[in-house]
Amino acid sequence: MSVTAIDIESALREALQPLELEVRDDSHLHAGHAGAREGRHFWVRVVSERFTGTTRIARHRLVYHALDPLISRGIHALAIDARAPHEP
């Protein structure tokens, strides 16, 4: 079963209670790329209080932890823009 942007959005909402969340499936931009056969390409922008006082690496770990059950279902690439509420 393939992963959808809705699946990602649901998992991130549950884990991070974001104030803002945008999930985009960019798979069509990678058509023909060898990795496209292994899964889909996504971009996420998430603004959450959980990121306040954390490093960029810690934020990415929180996102990956939230999506862990979905990764094996078909996430090949994930671009992450993770910010605390006070950040531009």
Protein backbone atom coordinates (compact mmCIF):
# COMPACT_ATOMS: atom_id res chain seq x y z
CA MET A 1 0.00 0.00 0.00
CA SER A 2 1.47 3.32 -1.11
CA VAL A 3 1.83 6.30 1.21
CA THR A 4 -0.20 9.43 0.47
CA ALA A 5 0.17 13.04 1.56
CA ILE A 6 -2.95 12.51 3.69
CA ASP A 7 -1.24 9.65 5.56
CA ILE A 8 1.75 11.88 6.28
CA GLU A 9 -0.44 14.77 7.36
CA SER A 10 -2.39 12.56 9.77
CA ALA A 11 0.76 11.13 11.36
CA LEU A 12 2.37 14.55 11.80
CA ARG A 13 -0.81 16.09 13.23
CA GLU A 14 -1.09 13.31 15.79
CA ALA A 15 2.57 13.38 16.85
CA LEU A 16 3.42 17.09 16.69
CA GLN A 17 0.12 18.99 17.05
CA PRO A 18 1.34 21.54 14.49
CA LEU A 19 0.10 25.10 14.30
CA GLU A 20 0.79 24.98 10.56
CA LEU A 21 1.25 21.97 8.30
CA GLU A 22 1.70 21.59 4.58
CA VAL A 23 2.46 18.30 2.85
CA ARG A 24 3.18 18.11 -0.86
CA ASP A 25 3.69 15.04 -3.02
CA ASP A 26 6.50 15.93 -5.43
CA SER A 27 6.74 12.46 -6.98
CA HIS A 28 5.75 13.75 -10.42
CA LEU A 29 8.93 15.86 -10.45
CA HIS A 30 11.02 12.69 -10.19
CA ALA A 31 9.38 10.55 -12.85
CA GLY A 32 11.99 8.40 -14.55
CA HIS A 33 14.38 8.70 -11.61
CA ALA A 34 15.53 5.25 -10.43
CA GLY A 35 14.35 5.94 -6.87
CA ALA A 36 10.86 6.79 -8.09
CA ARG A 37 10.20 3.07 -8.43
CA GLU A 38 11.06 2.57 -4.74
CA GLY A 39 8.63 5.10 -3.34
CA ARG A 40 7.24 8.59 -3.41
CA HIS A 41 8.91 11.98 -2.88
CA PHE A 42 7.36 14.36 -0.35
CA TRP A 43 7.97 17.85 0.99
CA VAL A 44 6.65 18.93 4.40
CA ARG A 45 6.52 22.25 6.18
CA VAL A 46 5.57 21.97 9.82
CA VAL A 47 5.40 24.63 12.53
CA SER A 48 5.08 23.22 16.03
CA GLU A 49 5.69 24.25 19.64
CA ARG A 50 7.50 20.92 19.98
CA PHE A 51 10.37 22.44 17.98
CA THR A 52 10.96 25.36 20.36
CA GLY A 53 14.50 25.20 21.73
CA THR A 54 15.52 22.25 19.54
CA THR A 55 18.16 21.95 16.86
CA ARG A 56 17.42 21.34 13.21
CA ILE A 57 18.61 17.74 13.59
CA ALA A 58 16.34 17.15 16.59
CA ARG A 59 13.38 18.53 14.64
CA HIS A 60 14.06 16.22 11.72
CA ARG A 61 14.33 13.29 14.12
CA LEU A 62 10.91 14.14 15.56
CA VAL A 63 9.42 14.22 12.07
CA TYR A 64 11.08 10.94 11.07
CA HIS A 65 9.95 9.32 14.32
CA ALA A 66 6.36 10.38 13.62
CA LEU A 67 6.57 8.95 10.10
CA ASP A 68 8.48 5.77 10.97
CA PRO A 69 5.52 3.41 10.35
CA LEU A 70 5.01 4.98 6.91
CA ILE A 71 8.57 4.99 5.64
CA SER A 72 8.65 1.32 4.75
CA ARG A 73 5.30 1.70 2.97
CA GLY A 74 6.82 3.88 0.28
CA ILE A 75 8.52 7.13 1.28
CA HIS A 76 11.64 7.32 -0.87
CA ALA A 77 12.55 10.95 -0.20
CA LEU A 78 11.40 13.54 2.31
CA ALA A 79 12.30 17.24 2.33
CA ILE A 80 11.58 18.82 5.71
CA ASP A 81 11.06 22.47 6.68
CA ALA A 82 10.51 22.32 10.46
CA ARG A 83 10.14 25.52 12.46
CA ALA A 84 9.12 26.75 15.88
CA PRO A 85 6.20 29.25 15.92
CA HIS A 86 8.38 32.35 16.45
CA GLU A 87 10.63 31.59 13.47
CA PRO A 88 10.09 33.08 10.01
